[in-house]
Amino acid sequence: MTETAFYILLSLTEPRHGYGIIQCVEELTDGRLRLGSGTVYGTLTKMHKDAMIAVFADEKRKTIYEVTDRGKLIMQAEMVRLEELHKNATRFRREFI
């Protein structure tokens, strides 16, 4: 999973519209990751095709994105992978100082 996809899914702990996702990701990364709308909507389209998110319109007819159960399972597996990566990075950190 790309970093962009990871943070987009992470931002969907609650349903959000596209701009809300962009703002949430920027906040989560303390401004390090600033996603453009093309990147976000391209990733959301792929996630929707892969059944990782659901798409619907709110009362103001804004498009809202929500993580699905499949998306949650994929995210859980990615978090396990990242935890292993972090464990090994920490273990070998001194070798690269």
PDB file of N, CA and C in Angstrom:
ATOM      1  N   MET A   1       0.850  -1.173   0.000  1.00  0.00           N
ATOM      2  CA  MET A   1       0.000   0.000   0.000  1.00  0.00           C
ATOM      3  C   MET A   1       0.898   1.239   0.000  1.00  0.00           C
ATOM      4  N   THR A   2       0.520   2.201  -0.788  1.00  0.00           N
ATOM      5  CA  THR A   2       1.297   3.439  -0.825  1.00  0.00           C
ATOM      6  C   THR A   2       1.033   4.271   0.427  1.00  0.00           C
ATOM      7  N   GLU A   3       1.935   5.185   0.688  1.00  0.00           N
ATOM      8  CA  GLU A   3       1.743   6.084   1.832  1.00  0.00           C
ATOM      9  C   GLU A   3       0.465   6.905   1.646  1.00  0.00           C
ATOM     10  N   THR A   4       0.216   7.347   0.431  1.00  0.00           N
ATOM     11  CA  THR A   4      -0.999   8.112   0.146  1.00  0.00           C
ATOM     12  C   THR A   4      -2.249   7.303   0.475  1.00  0.00           C
ATOM     13  N   ALA A   5      -2.309   6.072  -0.007  1.00  0.00           N
ATOM     14  CA  ALA A   5      -3.471   5.214   0.261  1.00  0.00           C
ATOM     15  C   ALA A   5      -3.621   4.960   1.757  1.00  0.00           C
ATOM     16  N   PHE A   6      -2.498   4.718   2.434  1.00  0.00           N
ATOM     17  CA  PHE A   6      -2.530   4.475   3.874  1.00  0.00           C
ATOM     18  C   PHE A   6      -3.161   5.660   4.605  1.00  0.00           C
ATOM     19  N   TYR A   7      -2.697   6.858   4.311  1.00  0.00           N
ATOM     20  CA  TYR A   7      -3.210   8.027   5.016  1.00  0.00           C
ATOM     21  C   TYR A   7      -4.647   8.369   4.627  1.00  0.00           C
ATOM     22  N   ILE A   8      -5.019   8.101   3.386  1.00  0.00           N
ATOM     23  CA  ILE A   8      -6.415   8.322   3.001  1.00  0.00           C
ATOM     24  C   ILE A   8      -7.321   7.387   3.804  1.00  0.00           C
ATOM     25  N   LEU A   9      -6.978   6.110   3.867  1.00  0.00           N
ATOM     26  CA  LEU A   9      -7.790   5.178   4.664  1.00  0.00           C
ATOM     27  C   LEU A   9      -7.774   5.559   6.137  1.00  0.00           C
ATOM     28  N   LEU A  10      -6.620   5.953   6.642  1.00  0.00           N
ATOM     29  CA  LEU A  10      -6.514   6.349   8.043  1.00  0.00           C
ATOM     30  C   LEU A  10      -7.422   7.551   8.333  1.00  0.00           C
ATOM     31  N   SER A  11      -7.550   8.433   7.367  1.00  0.00           N
ATOM     32  CA  SER A  11      -8.400   9.611   7.566  1.00  0.00           C
ATOM     33  C   SER A  11      -9.888   9.255   7.579  1.00  0.00           C
ATOM     34  N   LEU A  12     -10.223   8.066   7.109  1.00  0.00           N
ATOM     35  CA  LEU A  12     -11.625   7.669   7.034  1.00  0.00           C
ATOM     36  C   LEU A  12     -12.100   6.914   8.275  1.00  0.00           C
ATOM     37  N   THR A  13     -11.559   7.273   9.433  1.00  0.00           N
ATOM     38  CA  THR A  13     -12.100   6.740  10.681  1.00  0.00           C
ATOM     39  C   THR A  13     -13.516   7.279  10.888  1.00  0.00           C
ATOM     40  N   GLU A  14     -13.839   8.316  10.126  1.00  0.00           N
ATOM     41  CA  GLU A  14     -15.204   8.832  10.044  1.00  0.00           C
ATOM     42  C   GLU A  14     -15.429   9.230   8.580  1.00  0.00           C
ATOM     43  N   PRO A  15     -16.666   9.177   8.107  1.00  0.00           N
ATOM     44  CA  PRO A  15     -16.928   9.546   6.708  1.00  0.00           C
ATOM     45  C   PRO A  15     -16.486  10.986   6.436  1.00  0.00           C
ATOM     46  N   ARG A  16     -15.876  11.202   5.284  1.00  0.00           N
ATOM     47  CA  ARG A  16     -15.386  12.543   4.922  1.00  0.00           C
ATOM     48  C   ARG A  16     -15.562  12.782   3.431  1.00  0.00           C
ATOM     49  N   HIS A  17     -15.607  14.046   3.075  1.00  0.00           N
ATOM     50  CA  HIS A  17     -15.571  14.419   1.663  1.00  0.00           C
ATOM     51  C   HIS A  17     -14.105  14.619   1.273  1.00  0.00           C
ATOM     52  N   GLY A  18     -13.853  14.794  -0.009  1.00  0.00           N
ATOM     53  CA  GLY A  18     -12.476  14.862  -0.504  1.00  0.00           C
ATOM     54  C   GLY A  18     -11.615  15.917   0.167  1.00  0.00           C
ATOM     55  N   TYR A  19     -12.146  17.139   0.296  1.00  0.00           N
ATOM     56  CA  TYR A  19     -11.358  18.200   0.914  1.00  0.00           C
ATOM     57  C   TYR A  19     -11.087  17.886   2.384  1.00  0.00           C
ATOM     58  N   GLY A  20     -12.049  17.272   3.052  1.00  0.00           N
ATOM     59  CA  GLY A  20     -11.851  16.868   4.449  1.00  0.00           C
ATOM     60  C   GLY A  20     -10.740  15.838   4.578  1.00  0.00           C
ATOM     61  N   ILE A  21     -10.636  14.936   3.597  1.00  0.00           N
ATOM     62  CA  ILE A  21      -9.548  13.951   3.581  1.00  0.00           C
ATOM     63  C   ILE A  21      -8.208  14.660   3.442  1.00  0.00           C
ATOM     64  N   ILE A  22      -8.127  15.589   2.506  1.00  0.00           N
ATOM     65  CA  ILE A  22      -6.885  16.340   2.289  1.00  0.00           C
ATOM     66  C   ILE A  22      -6.461  17.046   3.569  1.00  0.00           C
ATOM     67  N   GLN A  23      -7.390  17.708   4.222  1.00  0.00           N
ATOM     68  CA  GLN A  23      -7.087  18.422   5.471  1.00  0.00           C
ATOM     69  C   GLN A  23      -6.652  17.453   6.574  1.00  0.00           C
ATOM     70  N   CYS A  24      -7.350  16.339   6.709  1.00  0.00           N
ATOM     71  CA  CYS A  24      -7.035  15.373   7.759  1.00  0.00           C
ATOM     72  C   CYS A  24      -5.632  14.794   7.557  1.00  0.00           C
ATOM     73  N   VAL A  25      -5.295  14.422   6.330  1.00  0.00           N
ATOM     74  CA  VAL A  25      -3.971  13.859   6.052  1.00  0.00           C
ATOM     75  C   VAL A  25      -2.885  14.881   6.368  1.00  0.00           C
ATOM     76  N   GLU A  26      -3.100  16.114   5.988  1.00  0.00           N
ATOM     77  CA  GLU A  26      -2.111  17.163   6.284  1.00  0.00           C
ATOM     78  C   GLU A  26      -1.937  17.319   7.797  1.00  0.00           C
ATOM     79  N   GLU A  27      -3.037  17.266   8.531  1.00  0.00           N
ATOM     80  CA  GLU A  27      -2.978  17.378   9.986  1.00  0.00           C
ATOM     81  C   GLU A  27      -2.270  16.173  10.608  1.00  0.00           C
ATOM     82  N   LEU A  28      -2.622  14.959  10.148  1.00  0.00           N
ATOM     83  CA  LEU A  28      -2.012  13.746  10.690  1.00  0.00           C
ATOM     84  C   LEU A  28      -0.496  13.721  10.504  1.00  0.00           C
ATOM     85  N   THR A  29      -0.028  14.309   9.406  1.00  0.00           N
ATOM     86  CA  THR A  29       1.404  14.271   9.089  1.00  0.00           C
ATOM     87  C   THR A  29       2.106  15.583   9.445  1.00  0.00           C
ATOM     88  N   ASP A  30       1.452  16.417  10.215  1.00  0.00           N
ATOM     89  CA  ASP A  30       2.005  17.731  10.587  1.00  0.00           C
ATOM     90  C   ASP A  30       2.476  18.520   9.371  1.00  0.00           C
ATOM     91  N   GLY A  31       1.717  18.421   8.287  1.00  0.00           N
ATOM     92  CA  GLY A  31       2.011  19.191   7.085  1.00  0.00           C
ATOM     93  C   GLY A  31       3.038  18.569   6.153  1.00  0.00           C
ATOM     94  N   ARG A  32       3.612  17.443   6.536  1.00  0.00           N
ATOM     95  CA  ARG A  32       4.630  16.808   5.695  1.00  0.00           C
ATOM     96  C   ARG A  32       4.042  16.289   4.390  1.00  0.00           C
ATOM     97  N   LEU A  33       2.833  15.773   4.452  1.00  0.00           N
ATOM     98  CA  LEU A  33       2.193  15.199   3.278  1.00  0.00           C
ATOM     99  C   LEU A  33       1.009  16.073   2.886  1.00  0.00           C
ATOM    100  N   ARG A  34       1.159  16.737   1.754  1.00  0.00           N
ATOM    101  CA  ARG A  34       0.091  17.602   1.225  1.00  0.00           C
ATOM    102  C   ARG A  34      -0.380  17.001  -0.081  1.00  0.00           C
ATOM    103  N   LEU A  35      -1.550  16.417  -0.046  1.00  0.00           N
ATOM    104  CA  LEU A  35      -2.070  15.707  -1.205  1.00  0.00           C
ATOM    105  C   LEU A  35      -2.830  16.646  -2.129  1.00  0.00           C
ATOM    106  N   GLY A  36      -2.572  16.516  -3.407  1.00  0.00           N
ATOM    107  CA  GLY A  36      -3.326  17.259  -4.400  1.00  0.00           C
ATOM    108  C   GLY A  36      -4.645  16.559  -4.686  1.00  0.00           C
ATOM    109  N   SER A  37      -5.606  17.305  -5.196  1.00  0.00           N
ATOM    110  CA  SER A  37      -6.921  16.719  -5.438  1.00  0.00           C
ATOM    111  C   SER A  37      -6.865  15.597  -6.467  1.00  0.00           C
ATOM    112  N   GLY A  38      -6.037  15.717  -7.492  1.00  0.00           N
ATOM    113  CA  GLY A  38      -5.915  14.657  -8.487  1.00  0.00           C
ATOM    114  C   GLY A  38      -5.430  13.355  -7.879  1.00  0.00           C
ATOM    115  N   THR A  39      -4.459  13.451  -7.002  1.00  0.00           N
ATOM    116  CA  THR A  39      -3.922  12.274  -6.319  1.00  0.00           C
ATOM    117  C   THR A  39      -4.986  11.640  -5.436  1.00  0.00           C
ATOM    118  N   VAL A  40      -5.683  12.466  -4.676  1.00  0.00           N
ATOM    119  CA  VAL A  40      -6.700  11.955  -3.756  1.00  0.00           C
ATOM    120  C   VAL A  40      -7.832  11.289  -4.529  1.00  0.00           C
ATOM    121  N   TYR A  41      -8.368  11.969  -5.533  1.00  0.00           N
ATOM    122  CA  TYR A  41      -9.517  11.411  -6.236  1.00  0.00           C
ATOM    123  C   TYR A  41      -9.134  10.201  -7.085  1.00  0.00           C
ATOM    124  N   GLY A  42      -7.927  10.178  -7.610  1.00  0.00           N
ATOM    125  CA  GLY A  42      -7.462   8.990  -8.320  1.00  0.00           C
ATOM    126  C   GLY A  42      -7.349   7.790  -7.393  1.00  0.00           C
ATOM    127  N   THR A  43      -6.803   8.016  -6.206  1.00  0.00           N
ATOM    128  CA  THR A  43      -6.671   6.942  -5.212  1.00  0.00           C
ATOM    129  C   THR A  43      -8.038   6.489  -4.716  1.00  0.00           C
ATOM    130  N   LEU A  44      -8.930   7.437  -4.470  1.00  0.00           N
ATOM    131  CA  LEU A  44     -10.289   7.090  -4.020  1.00  0.00           C
ATOM    132  C   LEU A  44     -11.028   6.266  -5.075  1.00  0.00           C
ATOM    133  N   THR A  45     -10.851   6.608  -6.340  1.00  0.00           N
ATOM    134  CA  THR A  45     -11.492   5.847  -7.417  1.00  0.00           C
ATOM    135  C   THR A  45     -11.010   4.407  -7.410  1.00  0.00           C
ATOM    136  N   LYS A  46      -9.693   4.213  -7.276  1.00  0.00           N
ATOM    137  CA  LYS A  46      -9.139   2.857  -7.229  1.00  0.00           C
ATOM    138  C   LYS A  46      -9.647   2.110  -5.992  1.00  0.00           C
ATOM    139  N   MET A  47      -9.668   2.782  -4.846  1.00  0.00           N
ATOM    140  CA  MET A  47     -10.157   2.145  -3.622  1.00  0.00           C
ATOM    141  C   MET A  47     -11.623   1.745  -3.746  1.00  0.00           C
ATOM    142  N   HIS A  48     -12.405   2.562  -4.415  1.00  0.00           N
ATOM    143  CA  HIS A  48     -13.813   2.233  -4.609  1.00  0.00           C
ATOM    144  C   HIS A  48     -13.949   1.008  -5.510  1.00  0.00           C
ATOM    145  N   LYS A  49     -13.184   0.959  -6.584  1.00  0.00           N
ATOM    146  CA  LYS A  49     -13.200  -0.205  -7.476  1.00  0.00           C
ATOM    147  C   LYS A  49     -12.778  -1.473  -6.739  1.00  0.00           C
ATOM    148  N   ASP A  50     -11.862  -1.334  -5.768  1.00  0.00           N
ATOM    149  CA  ASP A  50     -11.376  -2.472  -4.991  1.00  0.00           C
ATOM    150  C   ASP A  50     -12.244  -2.759  -3.761  1.00  0.00           C
ATOM    151  N   ALA A  51     -13.376  -2.073  -3.648  1.00  0.00           N
ATOM    152  CA  ALA A  51     -14.345  -2.250  -2.553  1.00  0.00           C
ATOM    153  C   ALA A  51     -13.771  -1.947  -1.176  1.00  0.00           C
ATOM    154  N   MET A  52     -12.780  -1.067  -1.133  1.00  0.00           N
ATOM    155  CA  MET A  52     -12.200  -0.660   0.147  1.00  0.00           C
ATOM    156  C   MET A  52     -12.969   0.496   0.781  1.00  0.00           C
ATOM    157  N   ILE A  53     -13.679   1.248  -0.057  1.00  0.00           N
ATOM    158  CA  ILE A  53     -14.477   2.370   0.433  1.00  0.00           C
ATOM    159  C   ILE A  53     -15.843   2.351  -0.236  1.00  0.00           C
ATOM    160  N   ALA A  54     -16.795   2.978   0.423  1.00  0.00           N
ATOM    161  CA  ALA A  54     -18.126   3.212  -0.143  1.00  0.00           C
ATOM    162  C   ALA A  54     -18.243   4.705  -0.420  1.00  0.00           C
ATOM    163  N   VAL A  55     -19.040   5.043  -1.414  1.00  0.00           N
ATOM    164  CA  VAL A  55     -19.213   6.434  -1.824  1.00  0.00           C
ATOM    165  C   VAL A  55     -20.703   6.753  -1.799  1.00  0.00           C
ATOM    166  N   PHE A  56     -21.053   7.893  -1.198  1.00  0.00           N
ATOM    167  CA  PHE A  56     -22.450   8.325  -1.189  1.00  0.00           C
ATOM    168  C   PHE A  56     -22.496   9.844  -1.110  1.00  0.00           C
ATOM    169  N   ALA A  57     -23.674  10.410  -1.284  1.00  0.00           N
ATOM    170  CA  ALA A  57     -23.850  11.863  -1.220  1.00  0.00           C
ATOM    171  C   ALA A  57     -24.557  12.224   0.079  1.00  0.00           C
ATOM    172  N   ASP A  58     -24.123  13.325   0.686  1.00  0.00           N
ATOM    173  CA  ASP A  58     -24.784  13.790   1.911  1.00  0.00           C
ATOM    174  C   ASP A  58     -25.951  14.706   1.558  1.00  0.00           C
ATOM    175  N   GLU A  59     -26.566  15.310   2.566  1.00  0.00           N
ATOM    176  CA  GLU A  59     -27.734  16.167   2.355  1.00  0.00           C
ATOM    177  C   GLU A  59     -27.412  17.406   1.512  1.00  0.00           C
ATOM    178  N   LYS A  60     -26.150  17.789   1.452  1.00  0.00           N
ATOM    179  CA  LYS A  60     -25.740  18.941   0.632  1.00  0.00           C
ATOM    180  C   LYS A  60     -25.251  18.504  -0.745  1.00  0.00           C
ATOM    181  N   ARG A  61     -25.437  17.215  -1.054  1.00  0.00           N
ATOM    182  CA  ARG A  61     -25.033  16.609  -2.322  1.00  0.00           C
ATOM    183  C   ARG A  61     -23.521  16.576  -2.509  1.00  0.00           C
ATOM    184  N   LYS A  62     -22.787  16.638  -1.407  1.00  0.00           N
ATOM    185  CA  LYS A  62     -21.334  16.461  -1.464  1.00  0.00           C
ATOM    186  C   LYS A  62     -21.033  14.970  -1.464  1.00  0.00           C
ATOM    187  N   THR A  63     -20.001  14.580  -2.191  1.00  0.00           N
ATOM    188  CA  THR A  63     -19.604  13.180  -2.214  1.00  0.00           C
ATOM    189  C   THR A  63     -18.858  12.854  -0.931  1.00  0.00           C
ATOM    190  N   ILE A  64     -19.300  11.810  -0.257  1.00  0.00           N
ATOM    191  CA  ILE A  64     -18.723  11.382   1.016  1.00  0.00           C
ATOM    192  C   ILE A  64     -18.126   9.993   0.827  1.00  0.00           C
ATOM    193  N   TYR A  65     -16.988   9.774   1.455  1.00  0.00           N
ATOM    194  CA  TYR A  65     -16.280   8.500   1.368  1.00  0.00           C
ATOM    195  C   TYR A  65     -16.240   7.863   2.747  1.00  0.00           C
ATOM    196  N   GLU A  66     -16.424   6.535   2.768  1.00  0.00           N
ATOM    197  CA  GLU A  66     -16.436   5.797   4.031  1.00  0.00           C
ATOM    198  C   GLU A  66     -15.730   4.458   3.831  1.00  0.00           C
ATOM    199  N   VAL A  67     -14.912   4.075   4.786  1.00  0.00           N
ATOM    200  CA  VAL A  67     -14.200   2.801   4.685  1.00  0.00           C
ATOM    201  C   VAL A  67     -15.190   1.646   4.863  1.00  0.00           C
ATOM    202  N   THR A  68     -14.986   0.581   4.102  1.00  0.00           N
ATOM    203  CA  THR A  68     -15.828  -0.614   4.191  1.00  0.00           C
ATOM    204  C   THR A  68     -15.167  -1.637   5.117  1.00  0.00           C
ATOM    205  N   ASP A  69     -15.879  -2.708   5.393  1.00  0.00           N
ATOM    206  CA  ASP A  69     -15.293  -3.785   6.197  1.00  0.00           C
ATOM    207  C   ASP A  69     -14.056  -4.364   5.499  1.00  0.00           C
ATOM    208  N   ARG A  70     -14.130  -4.504   4.177  1.00  0.00           N
ATOM    209  CA  ARG A  70     -12.962  -4.982   3.415  1.00  0.00           C
ATOM    210  C   ARG A  70     -11.788  -4.015   3.576  1.00  0.00           C
ATOM    211  N   GLY A  71     -12.072  -2.720   3.505  1.00  0.00           N
ATOM    212  CA  GLY A  71     -11.030  -1.712   3.692  1.00  0.00           C
ATOM    213  C   GLY A  71     -10.406  -1.788   5.075  1.00  0.00           C
ATOM    214  N   LYS A  72     -11.228  -2.052   6.076  1.00  0.00           N
ATOM    215  CA  LYS A  72     -10.716  -2.188   7.446  1.00  0.00           C
ATOM    216  C   LYS A  72      -9.792  -3.399   7.565  1.00  0.00           C
ATOM    217  N   LEU A  73     -10.162  -4.516   6.931  1.00  0.00           N
ATOM    218  CA  LEU A  73      -9.304  -5.704   6.973  1.00  0.00           C
ATOM    219  C   LEU A  73      -7.968  -5.446   6.279  1.00  0.00           C
ATOM    220  N   ILE A  74      -8.013  -4.775   5.145  1.00  0.00           N
ATOM    221  CA  ILE A  74      -6.783  -4.445   4.420  1.00  0.00           C
ATOM    222  C   ILE A  74      -5.921  -3.508   5.262  1.00  0.00           C
ATOM    223  N   MET A  75      -6.553  -2.546   5.913  1.00  0.00           N
ATOM    224  CA  MET A  75      -5.807  -1.605   6.757  1.00  0.00           C
ATOM    225  C   MET A  75      -5.178  -2.321   7.952  1.00  0.00           C
ATOM    226  N   GLN A  76      -5.894  -3.259   8.551  1.00  0.00           N
ATOM    227  CA  GLN A  76      -5.334  -4.020   9.670  1.00  0.00           C
ATOM    228  C   GLN A  76      -4.089  -4.789   9.226  1.00  0.00           C
ATOM    229  N   ALA A  77      -4.148  -5.414   8.072  1.00  0.00           N
ATOM    230  CA  ALA A  77      -2.988  -6.157   7.550  1.00  0.00           C
ATOM    231  C   ALA A  77      -1.827  -5.210   7.273  1.00  0.00           C
ATOM    232  N   GLU A  78      -2.118  -4.035   6.756  1.00  0.00           N
ATOM    233  CA  GLU A  78      -1.058  -3.055   6.482  1.00  0.00           C
ATOM    234  C   GLU A  78      -0.423  -2.562   7.781  1.00  0.00           C
ATOM    235  N   MET A  79      -1.216  -2.378   8.797  1.00  0.00           N
ATOM    236  CA  MET A  79      -0.679  -1.935  10.087  1.00  0.00           C
ATOM    237  C   MET A  79       0.249  -2.993  10.682  1.00  0.00           C
ATOM    238  N   VAL A  80      -0.097  -4.258  10.545  1.00  0.00           N
ATOM    239  CA  VAL A  80       0.783  -5.339  11.012  1.00  0.00           C
ATOM    240  C   VAL A  80       2.098  -5.293  10.239  1.00  0.00           C
ATOM    241  N   ARG A  81       2.018  -5.104   8.918  1.00  0.00           N
ATOM    242  CA  ARG A  81       3.225  -5.020   8.090  1.00  0.00           C
ATOM    243  C   ARG A  81       4.103  -3.840   8.521  1.00  0.00           C
ATOM    244  N   LEU A  82       3.480  -2.703   8.770  1.00  0.00           N
ATOM    245  CA  LEU A  82       4.240  -1.519   9.187  1.00  0.00           C
ATOM    246  C   LEU A  82       4.851  -1.686  10.578  1.00  0.00           C
ATOM    247  N   GLU A  83       4.152  -2.372  11.455  1.00  0.00           N
ATOM    248  CA  GLU A  83       4.708  -2.635  12.788  1.00  0.00           C
ATOM    249  C   GLU A  83       5.962  -3.497  12.686  1.00  0.00           C
ATOM    250  N   GLU A  84       5.938  -4.491  11.795  1.00  0.00           N
ATOM    251  CA  GLU A  84       7.125  -5.319  11.580  1.00  0.00           C
ATOM    252  C   GLU A  84       8.265  -4.482  10.996  1.00  0.00           C
ATOM    253  N   LEU A  85       7.935  -3.646  10.034  1.00  0.00           N
ATOM    254  CA  LEU A  85       8.935  -2.767   9.426  1.00  0.00           C
ATOM    255  C   LEU A  85       9.575  -1.871  10.496  1.00  0.00           C
ATOM    256  N   HIS A  86       8.742  -1.280  11.350  1.00  0.00           N
ATOM    257  CA  HIS A  86       9.250  -0.410  12.410  1.00  0.00           C
ATOM    258  C   HIS A  86      10.132  -1.182  13.382  1.00  0.00           C
ATOM    259  N   LYS A  87       9.713  -2.384  13.752  1.00  0.00           N
ATOM    260  CA  LYS A  87      10.492  -3.215  14.670  1.00  0.00           C
ATOM    261  C   LYS A  87      11.887  -3.488  14.095  1.00  0.00           C
ATOM    262  N   ASN A  88      11.936  -3.843  12.831  1.00  0.00           N
ATOM    263  CA  ASN A  88      13.227  -4.143  12.208  1.00  0.00           C
ATOM    264  C   ASN A  88      14.062  -2.888  11.977  1.00  0.00           C
ATOM    265  N   ALA A  89      13.430  -1.783  11.651  1.00  0.00           N
ATOM    266  CA  ALA A  89      14.164  -0.526  11.496  1.00  0.00           C
ATOM    267  C   ALA A  89      14.808  -0.120  12.814  1.00  0.00           C
ATOM    268  N   THR A  90      14.057  -0.254  13.890  1.00  0.00           N
ATOM    269  CA  THR A  90      14.590   0.069  15.215  1.00  0.00           C
ATOM    270  C   THR A  90      15.726  -0.875  15.589  1.00  0.00           C
ATOM    271  N   ARG A  91      15.560  -2.127  15.284  1.00  0.00           N
ATOM    272  CA  ARG A  91      16.573  -3.143  15.614  1.00  0.00           C
ATOM    273  C   ARG A  91      17.911  -2.859  14.930  1.00  0.00           C
ATOM    274  N   PHE A  92      17.877  -2.388  13.707  1.00  0.00           N
ATOM    275  CA  PHE A  92      19.108  -2.189  12.938  1.00  0.00           C
ATOM    276  C   PHE A  92      19.516  -0.721  12.795  1.00  0.00           C
ATOM    277  N   ARG A  93      18.869   0.165  13.518  1.00  0.00           N
ATOM    278  CA  ARG A  93      19.138   1.592  13.408  1.00  0.00           C
ATOM    279  C   ARG A  93      20.619   1.914  13.605  1.00  0.00           C
ATOM    280  N   ARG A  94      21.228   1.328  14.605  1.00  0.00           N
ATOM    281  CA  ARG A  94      22.645   1.639  14.924  1.00  0.00           C
ATOM    282  C   ARG A  94      23.596   1.245  13.805  1.00  0.00           C
ATOM    283  N   GLU A  95      23.226   0.275  13.001  1.00  0.00           N
ATOM    284  CA  GLU A  95      24.075  -0.162  11.902  1.00  0.00           C
ATOM    285  C   GLU A  95      24.223   0.923  10.828  1.00  0.00           C
ATOM    286  N   PHE A  96      23.346   1.913  10.840  1.00  0.00           N
ATOM    287  CA  PHE A  96      23.350   2.936   9.803  1.00  0.00           C
ATOM    288  C   PHE A  96      23.674   4.329  10.338  1.00  0.00           C
ATOM    289  N   ILE A  97      24.240   4.366  11.510  1.00  0.00           N
ATOM    290  CA  ILE A  97      24.650   5.649  12.099  1.00  0.00           C
ATOM    291  C   ILE A  97      26.105   5.910  11.776  1.00  0.00           C
TER     292      ILE A  97
END
